[in-house]
Every structure is written in structure tokens, then in C-alpha cells.
Amino acid sequence: MAEPVVLMATMVAEPGQEELVEKTLTAALAAVHAEPGCLRYALHRKAGTTGEFVVIEKWASQEALGAHTKGAAMREVGTALARALAAPPDMVFLDAIPVGDPDAGAV
């Protein structure tokens, strides 16, 4: 059985592009949630900011994540945000440390 993949993607909007970034990411959510292997794809904004966005993702496998990154929803997001982000998304992959309640202690 494949191991789930958990990551945190942080995106910073260029000044004046905050609304475009939020609307683009929000519009993609339904399509991403429907992708095979999507276990979690949750959009957040860094507290106290208007233009720093964080997506917490969990995929059933590396293959599912790979398909997601090459899929239609991410192609559309990439095209829409090509000039709206201050830098490429910062992707941080996480390894779970299974302790305590499996539901409360892991993403």
C-alpha cells in the first residue's frame, strides 16, 4: 500500500494581486477535491495578512500528487497566477510522526 503524501504549499501574492490569487485558488478547489487520491486540499490565509496563502494537502500516494500537479486544474491555476505571485510556491513536504490518536495526531 502506498504511503500518503502530505505537503504545505505557500504562495505570496504580488501587491495588488491578492484578490486574483484568492479567487483563482478558491475556484480550483472543487476540481482538485474530485481528483483521484485527493484526501485533503485546504486553503488558508496566513493570519494577519491579505496576500499570503497556504494550502495543506494530503494525497493517497506520490502518483496521485504527480497526476494532480500535471492535471487540468493546476494548469489553469498556473496560467492564471503566472504573474500574480511574488515567487514560485514554496512546497514543504511533511513526514508524519504517528503519536497519540491517529485522527487527531496527523493530517
PDB file of N, CA and C in Angstrom:
ATOM      1  N   MET A   1       0.837  -1.189   0.000  1.00  0.00           N
ATOM      2  CA  MET A   1       0.000   0.000   0.000  1.00  0.00           C
ATOM      3  C   MET A   1       0.880   1.250   0.000  1.00  0.00           C
ATOM      4  N   ALA A   2       0.538   2.212  -0.835  1.00  0.00           N
ATOM      5  CA  ALA A   2       1.312   3.441  -0.945  1.00  0.00           C
ATOM      6  C   ALA A   2       1.138   4.304   0.306  1.00  0.00           C
ATOM      7  N   GLU A   3       2.181   5.016   0.635  1.00  0.00           N
ATOM      8  CA  GLU A   3       2.138   5.939   1.767  1.00  0.00           C
ATOM      9  C   GLU A   3       1.513   7.258   1.325  1.00  0.00           C
ATOM     10  N   PRO A   4       0.662   7.857   2.143  1.00  0.00           N
ATOM     11  CA  PRO A   4       0.127   9.182   1.812  1.00  0.00           C
ATOM     12  C   PRO A   4       1.247  10.218   1.773  1.00  0.00           C
ATOM     13  N   VAL A   5       1.025  11.254   0.985  1.00  0.00           N
ATOM     14  CA  VAL A   5       1.969  12.362   0.860  1.00  0.00           C
ATOM     15  C   VAL A   5       1.291  13.611   1.408  1.00  0.00           C
ATOM     16  N   VAL A   6       1.961  14.270   2.356  1.00  0.00           N
ATOM     17  CA  VAL A   6       1.430  15.487   2.963  1.00  0.00           C
ATOM     18  C   VAL A   6       2.377  16.627   2.639  1.00  0.00           C
ATOM     19  N   LEU A   7       1.804  17.744   2.217  1.00  0.00           N
ATOM     20  CA  LEU A   7       2.628  18.901   1.943  1.00  0.00           C
ATOM     21  C   LEU A   7       1.894  20.178   2.259  1.00  0.00           C
ATOM     22  N   MET A   8       2.690  21.226   2.383  1.00  0.00           N
ATOM     23  CA  MET A   8       2.181  22.558   2.630  1.00  0.00           C
ATOM     24  C   MET A   8       2.751  23.451   1.536  1.00  0.00           C
ATOM     25  N   ALA A   9       1.868  24.067   0.763  1.00  0.00           N
ATOM     26  CA  ALA A   9       2.289  24.963  -0.314  1.00  0.00           C
ATOM     27  C   ALA A   9       1.947  26.392   0.089  1.00  0.00           C
ATOM     28  N   THR A  10       2.956  27.255   0.120  1.00  0.00           N
ATOM     29  CA  THR A  10       2.752  28.652   0.493  1.00  0.00           C
ATOM     30  C   THR A  10       2.955  29.521  -0.741  1.00  0.00           C
ATOM     31  N   MET A  11       2.005  30.438  -0.958  1.00  0.00           N
ATOM     32  CA  MET A  11       2.068  31.352  -2.092  1.00  0.00           C
ATOM     33  C   MET A  11       1.881  32.772  -1.593  1.00  0.00           C
ATOM     34  N   VAL A  12       2.695  33.685  -2.108  1.00  0.00           N
ATOM     35  CA  VAL A  12       2.608  35.095  -1.735  1.00  0.00           C
ATOM     36  C   VAL A  12       2.219  35.881  -2.976  1.00  0.00           C
ATOM     37  N   ALA A  13       1.124  36.609  -2.870  1.00  0.00           N
ATOM     38  CA  ALA A  13       0.643  37.411  -3.987  1.00  0.00           C
ATOM     39  C   ALA A  13       1.479  38.675  -4.145  1.00  0.00           C
ATOM     40  N   GLU A  14       1.657  39.083  -5.382  1.00  0.00           N
ATOM     41  CA  GLU A  14       2.241  40.397  -5.647  1.00  0.00           C
ATOM     42  C   GLU A  14       1.275  41.442  -5.082  1.00  0.00           C
ATOM     43  N   PRO A  15       1.787  42.591  -4.636  1.00  0.00           N
ATOM     44  CA  PRO A  15       0.884  43.643  -4.165  1.00  0.00           C
ATOM     45  C   PRO A  15      -0.149  43.985  -5.248  1.00  0.00           C
ATOM     46  N   GLY A  16      -1.405  44.063  -4.841  1.00  0.00           N
ATOM     47  CA  GLY A  16      -2.487  44.352  -5.762  1.00  0.00           C
ATOM     48  C   GLY A  16      -3.085  43.123  -6.431  1.00  0.00           C
ATOM     49  N   GLN A  17      -2.475  41.956  -6.238  1.00  0.00           N
ATOM     50  CA  GLN A  17      -2.951  40.724  -6.868  1.00  0.00           C
ATOM     51  C   GLN A  17      -3.603  39.762  -5.883  1.00  0.00           C
ATOM     52  N   GLU A  18      -3.787  40.199  -4.647  1.00  0.00           N
ATOM     53  CA  GLU A  18      -4.309  39.326  -3.602  1.00  0.00           C
ATOM     54  C   GLU A  18      -5.678  38.734  -3.960  1.00  0.00           C
ATOM     55  N   GLU A  19      -6.581  39.565  -4.471  1.00  0.00           N
ATOM     56  CA  GLU A  19      -7.923  39.096  -4.803  1.00  0.00           C
ATOM     57  C   GLU A  19      -7.882  38.076  -5.942  1.00  0.00           C
ATOM     58  N   LEU A  20      -7.064  38.321  -6.955  1.00  0.00           N
ATOM     59  CA  LEU A  20      -6.940  37.376  -8.070  1.00  0.00           C
ATOM     60  C   LEU A  20      -6.427  36.033  -7.577  1.00  0.00           C
ATOM     61  N   VAL A  21      -5.409  36.048  -6.721  1.00  0.00           N
ATOM     62  CA  VAL A  21      -4.847  34.798  -6.211  1.00  0.00           C
ATOM     63  C   VAL A  21      -5.904  34.036  -5.413  1.00  0.00           C
ATOM     64  N   GLU A  22      -6.594  34.717  -4.511  1.00  0.00           N
ATOM     65  CA  GLU A  22      -7.613  34.039  -3.703  1.00  0.00           C
ATOM     66  C   GLU A  22      -8.732  33.474  -4.577  1.00  0.00           C
ATOM     67  N   LYS A  23      -9.237  34.252  -5.518  1.00  0.00           N
ATOM     68  CA  LYS A  23     -10.326  33.779  -6.377  1.00  0.00           C
ATOM     69  C   LYS A  23      -9.876  32.601  -7.239  1.00  0.00           C
ATOM     70  N   THR A  24      -8.659  32.641  -7.735  1.00  0.00           N
ATOM     71  CA  THR A  24      -8.153  31.553  -8.567  1.00  0.00           C
ATOM     72  C   THR A  24      -8.030  30.266  -7.763  1.00  0.00           C
ATOM     73  N   LEU A  25      -7.450  30.355  -6.588  1.00  0.00           N
ATOM     74  CA  LEU A  25      -7.289  29.167  -5.747  1.00  0.00           C
ATOM     75  C   LEU A  25      -8.639  28.628  -5.286  1.00  0.00           C
ATOM     76  N   THR A  26      -9.544  29.518  -4.923  1.00  0.00           N
ATOM     77  CA  THR A  26     -10.880  29.093  -4.492  1.00  0.00           C
ATOM     78  C   THR A  26     -11.630  28.398  -5.619  1.00  0.00           C
ATOM     79  N   ALA A  27     -11.521  28.943  -6.828  1.00  0.00           N
ATOM     80  CA  ALA A  27     -12.221  28.367  -7.977  1.00  0.00           C
ATOM     81  C   ALA A  27     -11.722  26.964  -8.307  1.00  0.00           C
ATOM     82  N   ALA A  28     -10.481  26.655  -7.995  1.00  0.00           N
ATOM     83  CA  ALA A  28      -9.903  25.348  -8.317  1.00  0.00           C
ATOM     84  C   ALA A  28     -10.272  24.263  -7.304  1.00  0.00           C
ATOM     85  N   LEU A  29     -10.762  24.644  -6.145  1.00  0.00           N
ATOM     86  CA  LEU A  29     -10.956  23.678  -5.058  1.00  0.00           C
ATOM     87  C   LEU A  29     -11.865  22.509  -5.427  1.00  0.00           C
ATOM     88  N   ALA A  30     -13.003  22.761  -6.014  1.00  0.00           N
ATOM     89  CA  ALA A  30     -13.933  21.662  -6.325  1.00  0.00           C
ATOM     90  C   ALA A  30     -13.297  20.654  -7.275  1.00  0.00           C
ATOM     91  N   ALA A  31     -12.605  21.132  -8.285  1.00  0.00           N
ATOM     92  CA  ALA A  31     -11.963  20.229  -9.241  1.00  0.00           C
ATOM     93  C   ALA A  31     -10.860  19.417  -8.576  1.00  0.00           C
ATOM     94  N   VAL A  32     -10.080  20.060  -7.723  1.00  0.00           N
ATOM     95  CA  VAL A  32      -8.995  19.343  -7.034  1.00  0.00           C
ATOM     96  C   VAL A  32      -9.571  18.304  -6.083  1.00  0.00           C
ATOM     97  N   HIS A  33     -10.611  18.667  -5.349  1.00  0.00           N
ATOM     98  CA  HIS A  33     -11.230  17.709  -4.416  1.00  0.00           C
ATOM     99  C   HIS A  33     -11.744  16.467  -5.141  1.00  0.00           C
ATOM    100  N   ALA A  34     -12.113  16.607  -6.398  1.00  0.00           N
ATOM    101  CA  ALA A  34     -12.635  15.479  -7.185  1.00  0.00           C
ATOM    102  C   ALA A  34     -11.541  14.628  -7.820  1.00  0.00           C
ATOM    103  N   GLU A  35     -10.300  15.071  -7.735  1.00  0.00           N
ATOM    104  CA  GLU A  35      -9.207  14.308  -8.339  1.00  0.00           C
ATOM    105  C   GLU A  35      -8.964  13.007  -7.572  1.00  0.00           C
ATOM    106  N   PRO A  36      -8.641  11.941  -8.300  1.00  0.00           N
ATOM    107  CA  PRO A  36      -8.333  10.668  -7.627  1.00  0.00           C
ATOM    108  C   PRO A  36      -7.168  10.829  -6.650  1.00  0.00           C
ATOM    109  N   GLY A  37      -7.345  10.326  -5.452  1.00  0.00           N
ATOM    110  CA  GLY A  37      -6.274  10.348  -4.459  1.00  0.00           C
ATOM    111  C   GLY A  37      -6.210  11.591  -3.612  1.00  0.00           C
ATOM    112  N   CYS A  38      -7.082  12.571  -3.847  1.00  0.00           N
ATOM    113  CA  CYS A  38      -7.090  13.776  -3.010  1.00  0.00           C
ATOM    114  C   CYS A  38      -7.758  13.443  -1.684  1.00  0.00           C
ATOM    115  N   LEU A  39      -6.986  13.489  -0.611  1.00  0.00           N
ATOM    116  CA  LEU A  39      -7.509  13.222   0.728  1.00  0.00           C
ATOM    117  C   LEU A  39      -7.760  14.519   1.499  1.00  0.00           C
ATOM    118  N   ARG A  40      -7.004  15.558   1.140  1.00  0.00           N
ATOM    119  CA  ARG A  40      -7.195  16.876   1.760  1.00  0.00           C
ATOM    120  C   ARG A  40      -6.549  17.910   0.853  1.00  0.00           C
ATOM    121  N   TYR A  41      -7.266  19.005   0.674  1.00  0.00           N
ATOM    122  CA  TYR A  41      -6.741  20.147  -0.076  1.00  0.00           C
ATOM    123  C   TYR A  41      -7.459  21.346   0.517  1.00  0.00           C
ATOM    124  N   ALA A  42      -6.833  21.975   1.503  1.00  0.00           N
ATOM    125  CA  ALA A  42      -7.483  23.001   2.309  1.00  0.00           C
ATOM    126  C   ALA A  42      -6.737  24.325   2.180  1.00  0.00           C
ATOM    127  N   LEU A  43      -7.453  25.333   1.715  1.00  0.00           N
ATOM    128  CA  LEU A  43      -6.878  26.660   1.507  1.00  0.00           C
ATOM    129  C   LEU A  43      -6.994  27.493   2.780  1.00  0.00           C
ATOM    130  N   HIS A  44      -5.896  28.156   3.120  1.00  0.00           N
ATOM    131  CA  HIS A  44      -5.847  29.043   4.287  1.00  0.00           C
ATOM    132  C   HIS A  44      -5.147  30.341   3.889  1.00  0.00           C
ATOM    133  N   ARG A  45      -5.359  31.356   4.690  1.00  0.00           N
ATOM    134  CA  ARG A  45      -4.605  32.596   4.560  1.00  0.00           C
ATOM    135  C   ARG A  45      -3.778  32.744   5.832  1.00  0.00           C
ATOM    136  N   LYS A  46      -2.535  33.153   5.686  1.00  0.00           N
ATOM    137  CA  LYS A  46      -1.706  33.391   6.862  1.00  0.00           C
ATOM    138  C   LYS A  46      -2.366  34.490   7.684  1.00  0.00           C
ATOM    139  N   ALA A  47      -2.589  34.219   8.959  1.00  0.00           N
ATOM    140  CA  ALA A  47      -3.276  35.165   9.843  1.00  0.00           C
ATOM    141  C   ALA A  47      -2.590  36.524   9.814  1.00  0.00           C
ATOM    142  N   GLY A  48      -3.411  37.558   9.737  1.00  0.00           N
ATOM    143  CA  GLY A  48      -2.890  38.917   9.766  1.00  0.00           C
ATOM    144  C   GLY A  48      -2.399  39.432   8.425  1.00  0.00           C
ATOM    145  N   THR A  49      -2.559  38.641   7.351  1.00  0.00           N
ATOM    146  CA  THR A  49      -2.117  39.079   6.031  1.00  0.00           C
ATOM    147  C   THR A  49      -3.293  39.067   5.067  1.00  0.00           C
ATOM    148  N   THR A  50      -3.107  39.706   3.923  1.00  0.00           N
ATOM    149  CA  THR A  50      -4.117  39.634   2.876  1.00  0.00           C
ATOM    150  C   THR A  50      -3.609  38.865   1.664  1.00  0.00           C
ATOM    151  N   GLY A  51      -2.302  38.681   1.561  1.00  0.00           N
ATOM    152  CA  GLY A  51      -1.763  38.092   0.346  1.00  0.00           C
ATOM    153  C   GLY A  51      -0.879  36.881   0.521  1.00  0.00           C
ATOM    154  N   GLU A  52      -0.888  36.243   1.693  1.00  0.00           N
ATOM    155  CA  GLU A  52      -0.100  35.033   1.899  1.00  0.00           C
ATOM    156  C   GLU A  52      -1.059  33.864   2.101  1.00  0.00           C
ATOM    157  N   PHE A  53      -0.979  32.908   1.185  1.00  0.00           N
ATOM    158  CA  PHE A  53      -1.900  31.788   1.168  1.00  0.00           C
ATOM    159  C   PHE A  53      -1.142  30.486   1.409  1.00  0.00           C
ATOM    160  N   VAL A  54      -1.783  29.579   2.149  1.00  0.00           N
ATOM    161  CA  VAL A  54      -1.195  28.282   2.455  1.00  0.00           C
ATOM    162  C   VAL A  54      -2.220  27.209   2.112  1.00  0.00           C
ATOM    163  N   VAL A  55      -1.791  26.211   1.363  1.00  0.00           N
ATOM    164  CA  VAL A  55      -2.645  25.070   1.066  1.00  0.00           C
ATOM    165  C   VAL A  55      -2.056  23.858   1.772  1.00  0.00           C
ATOM    166  N   ILE A  56      -2.861  23.212   2.610  1.00  0.00           N
ATOM    167  CA  ILE A  56      -2.466  21.975   3.263  1.00  0.00           C
ATOM    168  C   ILE A  56      -3.031  20.852   2.395  1.00  0.00           C
ATOM    169  N   GLU A  57      -2.137  19.988   1.929  1.00  0.00           N
ATOM    170  CA  GLU A  57      -2.547  18.931   1.002  1.00  0.00           C
ATOM    171  C   GLU A  57      -2.188  17.556   1.560  1.00  0.00           C
ATOM    172  N   LYS A  58      -3.047  16.594   1.264  1.00  0.00           N
ATOM    173  CA  LYS A  58      -2.755  15.198   1.574  1.00  0.00           C
ATOM    174  C   LYS A  58      -3.242  14.373   0.393  1.00  0.00           C
ATOM    175  N   TRP A  59      -2.321  13.592  -0.149  1.00  0.00           N
ATOM    176  CA  TRP A  59      -2.598  12.757  -1.310  1.00  0.00           C
ATOM    177  C   TRP A  59      -2.376  11.306  -0.946  1.00  0.00           C
ATOM    178  N   ALA A  60      -3.157  10.419  -1.540  1.00  0.00           N
ATOM    179  CA  ALA A  60      -3.087   8.990  -1.232  1.00  0.00           C
ATOM    180  C   ALA A  60      -1.736   8.396  -1.579  1.00  0.00           C
ATOM    181  N   SER A  61      -1.034   8.995  -2.545  1.00  0.00           N
ATOM    182  CA  SER A  61       0.264   8.460  -2.979  1.00  0.00           C
ATOM    183  C   SER A  61       1.033   9.532  -3.738  1.00  0.00           C
ATOM    184  N   GLN A  62       2.304   9.264  -3.953  1.00  0.00           N
ATOM    185  CA  GLN A  62       3.124  10.155  -4.763  1.00  0.00           C
ATOM    186  C   GLN A  62       2.581  10.219  -6.190  1.00  0.00           C
ATOM    187  N   GLU A  63       2.054   9.097  -6.669  1.00  0.00           N
ATOM    188  CA  GLU A  63       1.481   9.059  -8.022  1.00  0.00           C
ATOM    189  C   GLU A  63       0.270   9.971  -8.125  1.00  0.00           C
ATOM    190  N   ALA A  64      -0.579   9.967  -7.101  1.00  0.00           N
ATOM    191  CA  ALA A  64      -1.755  10.842  -7.100  1.00  0.00           C
ATOM    192  C   ALA A  64      -1.333  12.309  -7.084  1.00  0.00           C
ATOM    193  N   LEU A  65      -0.323  12.636  -6.301  1.00  0.00           N
ATOM    194  CA  LEU A  65       0.185  14.003  -6.273  1.00  0.00           C
ATOM    195  C   LEU A  65       0.759  14.374  -7.635  1.00  0.00           C
ATOM    196  N   GLY A  66       1.499  13.462  -8.243  1.00  0.00           N
ATOM    197  CA  GLY A  66       2.063  13.733  -9.564  1.00  0.00           C
ATOM    198  C   GLY A  66       0.990  14.004 -10.602  1.00  0.00           C
ATOM    199  N   ALA A  67      -0.081  13.221 -10.574  1.00  0.00           N
ATOM    200  CA  ALA A  67      -1.192  13.440 -11.508  1.00  0.00           C
ATOM    201  C   ALA A  67      -1.840  14.796 -11.244  1.00  0.00           C
ATOM    202  N   HIS A  68      -1.973  15.158  -9.984  1.00  0.00           N
ATOM    203  CA  HIS A  68      -2.545  16.455  -9.614  1.00  0.00           C
ATOM    204  C   HIS A  68      -1.706  17.598 -10.185  1.00  0.00           C
ATOM    205  N   THR A  69      -0.406  17.526 -10.010  1.00  0.00           N
ATOM    206  CA  THR A  69       0.444  18.629 -10.459  1.00  0.00           C
ATOM    207  C   THR A  69       0.421  18.800 -11.976  1.00  0.00           C
ATOM    208  N   LYS A  70       0.102  17.725 -12.696  1.00  0.00           N
ATOM    209  CA  LYS A  70       0.042  17.789 -14.159  1.00  0.00           C
ATOM    210  C   LYS A  70      -1.379  17.934 -14.683  1.00  0.00           C
ATOM    211  N   GLY A  71      -2.361  17.967 -13.777  1.00  0.00           N
ATOM    212  CA  GLY A  71      -3.763  17.971 -14.168  1.00  0.00           C
ATOM    213  C   GLY A  71      -4.273  19.327 -14.642  1.00  0.00           C
ATOM    214  N   ALA A  72      -5.479  19.305 -15.164  1.00  0.00           N
ATOM    215  CA  ALA A  72      -6.105  20.496 -15.742  1.00  0.00           C
ATOM    216  C   ALA A  72      -6.266  21.621 -14.722  1.00  0.00           C
ATOM    217  N   ALA A  73      -6.672  21.293 -13.508  1.00  0.00           N
ATOM    218  CA  ALA A  73      -6.903  22.342 -12.506  1.00  0.00           C
ATOM    219  C   ALA A  73      -5.617  23.104 -12.216  1.00  0.00           C
ATOM    220  N   MET A  74      -4.505  22.398 -12.054  1.00  0.00           N
ATOM    221  CA  MET A  74      -3.245  23.081 -11.750  1.00  0.00           C
ATOM    222  C   MET A  74      -2.675  23.808 -12.965  1.00  0.00           C
ATOM    223  N   ARG A  75      -2.945  23.306 -14.160  1.00  0.00           N
ATOM    224  CA  ARG A  75      -2.535  24.043 -15.362  1.00  0.00           C
ATOM    225  C   ARG A  75      -3.265  25.390 -15.412  1.00  0.00           C
ATOM    226  N   GLU A  76      -4.560  25.379 -15.114  1.00  0.00           N
ATOM    227  CA  GLU A  76      -5.336  26.617 -15.116  1.00  0.00           C
ATOM    228  C   GLU A  76      -4.846  27.573 -14.023  1.00  0.00           C
ATOM    229  N   VAL A  77      -4.577  27.050 -12.839  1.00  0.00           N
ATOM    230  CA  VAL A  77      -4.062  27.883 -11.756  1.00  0.00           C
ATOM    231  C   VAL A  77      -2.716  28.487 -12.164  1.00  0.00           C
ATOM    232  N   GLY A  78      -1.838  27.668 -12.710  1.00  0.00           N
ATOM    233  CA  GLY A  78      -0.520  28.154 -13.125  1.00  0.00           C
ATOM    234  C   GLY A  78      -0.605  29.262 -14.157  1.00  0.00           C
ATOM    235  N   THR A  79      -1.496  29.097 -15.120  1.00  0.00           N
ATOM    236  CA  THR A  79      -1.664  30.122 -16.154  1.00  0.00           C
ATOM    237  C   THR A  79      -2.210  31.411 -15.546  1.00  0.00           C
ATOM    238  N   ALA A  80      -3.234  31.278 -14.704  1.00  0.00           N
ATOM    239  CA  ALA A  80      -3.872  32.460 -14.109  1.00  0.00           C
ATOM    240  C   ALA A  80      -2.938  33.216 -13.170  1.00  0.00           C
ATOM    241  N   LEU A  81      -2.056  32.495 -12.487  1.00  0.00           N
ATOM    242  CA  LEU A  81      -1.209  33.131 -11.476  1.00  0.00           C
ATOM    243  C   LEU A  81       0.218  33.373 -11.934  1.00  0.00           C
ATOM    244  N   ALA A  82       0.499  33.171 -13.208  1.00  0.00           N
ATOM    245  CA  ALA A  82       1.869  33.278 -13.715  1.00  0.00           C
ATOM    246  C   ALA A  82       2.547  34.589 -13.329  1.00  0.00           C
ATOM    247  N   ARG A  83       1.804  35.669 -13.324  1.00  0.00           N
ATOM    248  CA  ARG A  83       2.395  36.980 -12.986  1.00  0.00           C
ATOM    249  C   ARG A  83       1.836  37.555 -11.696  1.00  0.00           C
ATOM    250  N   ALA A  84       1.007  36.789 -10.998  1.00  0.00           N
ATOM    251  CA  ALA A  84       0.347  37.299  -9.801  1.00  0.00           C
ATOM    252  C   ALA A  84       1.068  36.937  -8.509  1.00  0.00           C
ATOM    253  N   LEU A  85       2.032  36.014  -8.588  1.00  0.00           N
ATOM    254  CA  LEU A  85       2.750  35.597  -7.380  1.00  0.00           C
ATOM    255  C   LEU A  85       4.117  36.260  -7.312  1.00  0.00           C
ATOM    256  N   ALA A  86       4.544  36.589  -6.098  1.00  0.00           N
ATOM    257  CA  ALA A  86       5.841  37.225  -5.890  1.00  0.00           C
ATOM    258  C   ALA A  86       7.002  36.270  -6.158  1.00  0.00           C
ATOM    259  N   ALA A  87       6.754  34.973  -6.038  1.00  0.00           N
ATOM    260  CA  ALA A  87       7.781  33.944  -6.237  1.00  0.00           C
ATOM    261  C   ALA A  87       7.048  32.630  -6.498  1.00  0.00           C
ATOM    262  N   PRO A  88       7.758  31.620  -6.985  1.00  0.00           N
ATOM    263  CA  PRO A  88       7.100  30.314  -7.131  1.00  0.00           C
ATOM    264  C   PRO A  88       6.619  29.821  -5.763  1.00  0.00           C
ATOM    265  N   PRO A  89       5.572  28.989  -5.753  1.00  0.00           N
ATOM    266  CA  PRO A  89       5.095  28.448  -4.474  1.00  0.00           C
ATOM    267  C   PRO A  89       6.211  27.727  -3.719  1.00  0.00           C
ATOM    268  N   ASP A  90       6.218  27.902  -2.417  1.00  0.00           N
ATOM    269  CA  ASP A  90       7.168  27.200  -1.546  1.00  0.00           C
ATOM    270  C   ASP A  90       6.497  25.910  -1.105  1.00  0.00           C
ATOM    271  N   MET A  91       7.060  24.788  -1.523  1.00  0.00           N
ATOM    272  CA  MET A  91       6.470  23.479  -1.221  1.00  0.00           C
ATOM    273  C   MET A  91       7.282  22.812  -0.113  1.00  0.00           C
ATOM    274  N   VAL A  92       6.620  22.483   0.987  1.00  0.00           N
ATOM    275  CA  VAL A  92       7.262  21.804   2.112  1.00  0.00           C
ATOM    276  C   VAL A  92       6.571  20.456   2.282  1.00  0.00           C
ATOM    277  N   PHE A  93       7.326  19.382   2.097  1.00  0.00           N
ATOM    278  CA  PHE A  93       6.796  18.028   2.274  1.00  0.00           C
ATOM    279  C   PHE A  93       6.996  17.624   3.726  1.00  0.00           C
ATOM    280  N   LEU A  94       5.992  16.960   4.282  1.00  0.00           N
ATOM    281  CA  LEU A  94       5.993  16.621   5.706  1.00  0.00           C
ATOM    282  C   LEU A  94       5.944  15.116   5.907  1.00  0.00           C
ATOM    283  N   ASP A  95       6.697  14.629   6.875  1.00  0.00           N
ATOM    284  CA  ASP A  95       6.646  13.232   7.298  1.00  0.00           C
ATOM    285  C   ASP A  95       5.932  13.183   8.643  1.00  0.00           C
ATOM    286  N   ALA A  96       4.878  12.396   8.713  1.00  0.00           N
ATOM    287  CA  ALA A  96       4.118  12.270   9.959  1.00  0.00           C
ATOM    288  C   ALA A  96       4.943  11.553  11.021  1.00  0.00           C
ATOM    289  N   ILE A  97       4.752  11.968  12.242  1.00  0.00           N
ATOM    290  CA  ILE A  97       5.297  11.271  13.398  1.00  0.00           C
ATOM    291  C   ILE A  97       4.073  10.729  14.136  1.00  0.00           C
ATOM    292  N   PRO A  98       3.722   9.449  13.899  1.00  0.00           N
ATOM    293  CA  PRO A  98       2.476   8.916  14.431  1.00  0.00           C
ATOM    294  C   PRO A  98       2.525   8.731  15.943  1.00  0.00           C
ATOM    295  N   VAL A  99       1.868   9.648  16.651  1.00  0.00           N
ATOM    296  CA  VAL A  99       1.815   9.610  18.112  1.00  0.00           C
ATOM    297  C   VAL A  99       0.379   9.920  18.522  1.00  0.00           C
ATOM    298  N   GLY A 100      -0.108   9.218  19.523  1.00  0.00           N
ATOM    299  CA  GLY A 100      -1.426   9.524  20.051  1.00  0.00           C
ATOM    300  C   GLY A 100      -2.550   9.060  19.128  1.00  0.00           C
ATOM    301  N   ASP A 101      -3.664   9.757  19.217  1.00  0.00           N
ATOM    302  CA  ASP A 101      -4.857   9.456  18.445  1.00  0.00           C
ATOM    303  C   ASP A 101      -4.549   9.623  16.949  1.00  0.00           C
ATOM    304  N   PRO A 102      -4.750   8.590  16.127  1.00  0.00           N
ATOM    305  CA  PRO A 102      -4.411   8.693  14.715  1.00  0.00           C
ATOM    306  C   PRO A 102      -5.194   9.769  13.979  1.00  0.00           C
ATOM    307  N   ASP A 103      -6.418  10.058  14.393  1.00  0.00           N
ATOM    308  CA  ASP A 103      -7.201  11.086  13.724  1.00  0.00           C
ATOM    309  C   ASP A 103      -6.798  12.496  14.186  1.00  0.00           C
ATOM    310  N   ALA A 104      -6.536  12.651  15.451  1.00  0.00           N
ATOM    311  CA  ALA A 104      -6.183  13.969  15.977  1.00  0.00           C
ATOM    312  C   ALA A 104      -4.697  14.280  15.824  1.00  0.00           C
ATOM    313  N   GLY A 105      -3.876  13.257  15.699  1.00  0.00           N
ATOM    314  CA  GLY A 105      -2.437  13.466  15.701  1.00  0.00           C
ATOM    315  C   GLY A 105      -1.779  13.499  14.348  1.00  0.00           C
ATOM    316  N   ALA A 106      -2.566  13.508  13.267  1.00  0.00           N
ATOM    317  CA  ALA A 106      -1.972  13.537  11.943  1.00  0.00           C
ATOM    318  C   ALA A 106      -2.902  14.264  10.978  1.00  0.00           C
ATOM    319  N   VAL A 107      -2.305  14.802   9.939  1.00  0.00           N
ATOM    320  CA  VAL A 107      -3.087  15.441   8.869  1.00  0.00           C
ATOM    321  C   VAL A 107      -3.490  14.359   7.899  1.00  0.00           C
TER     322      VAL A 107
END
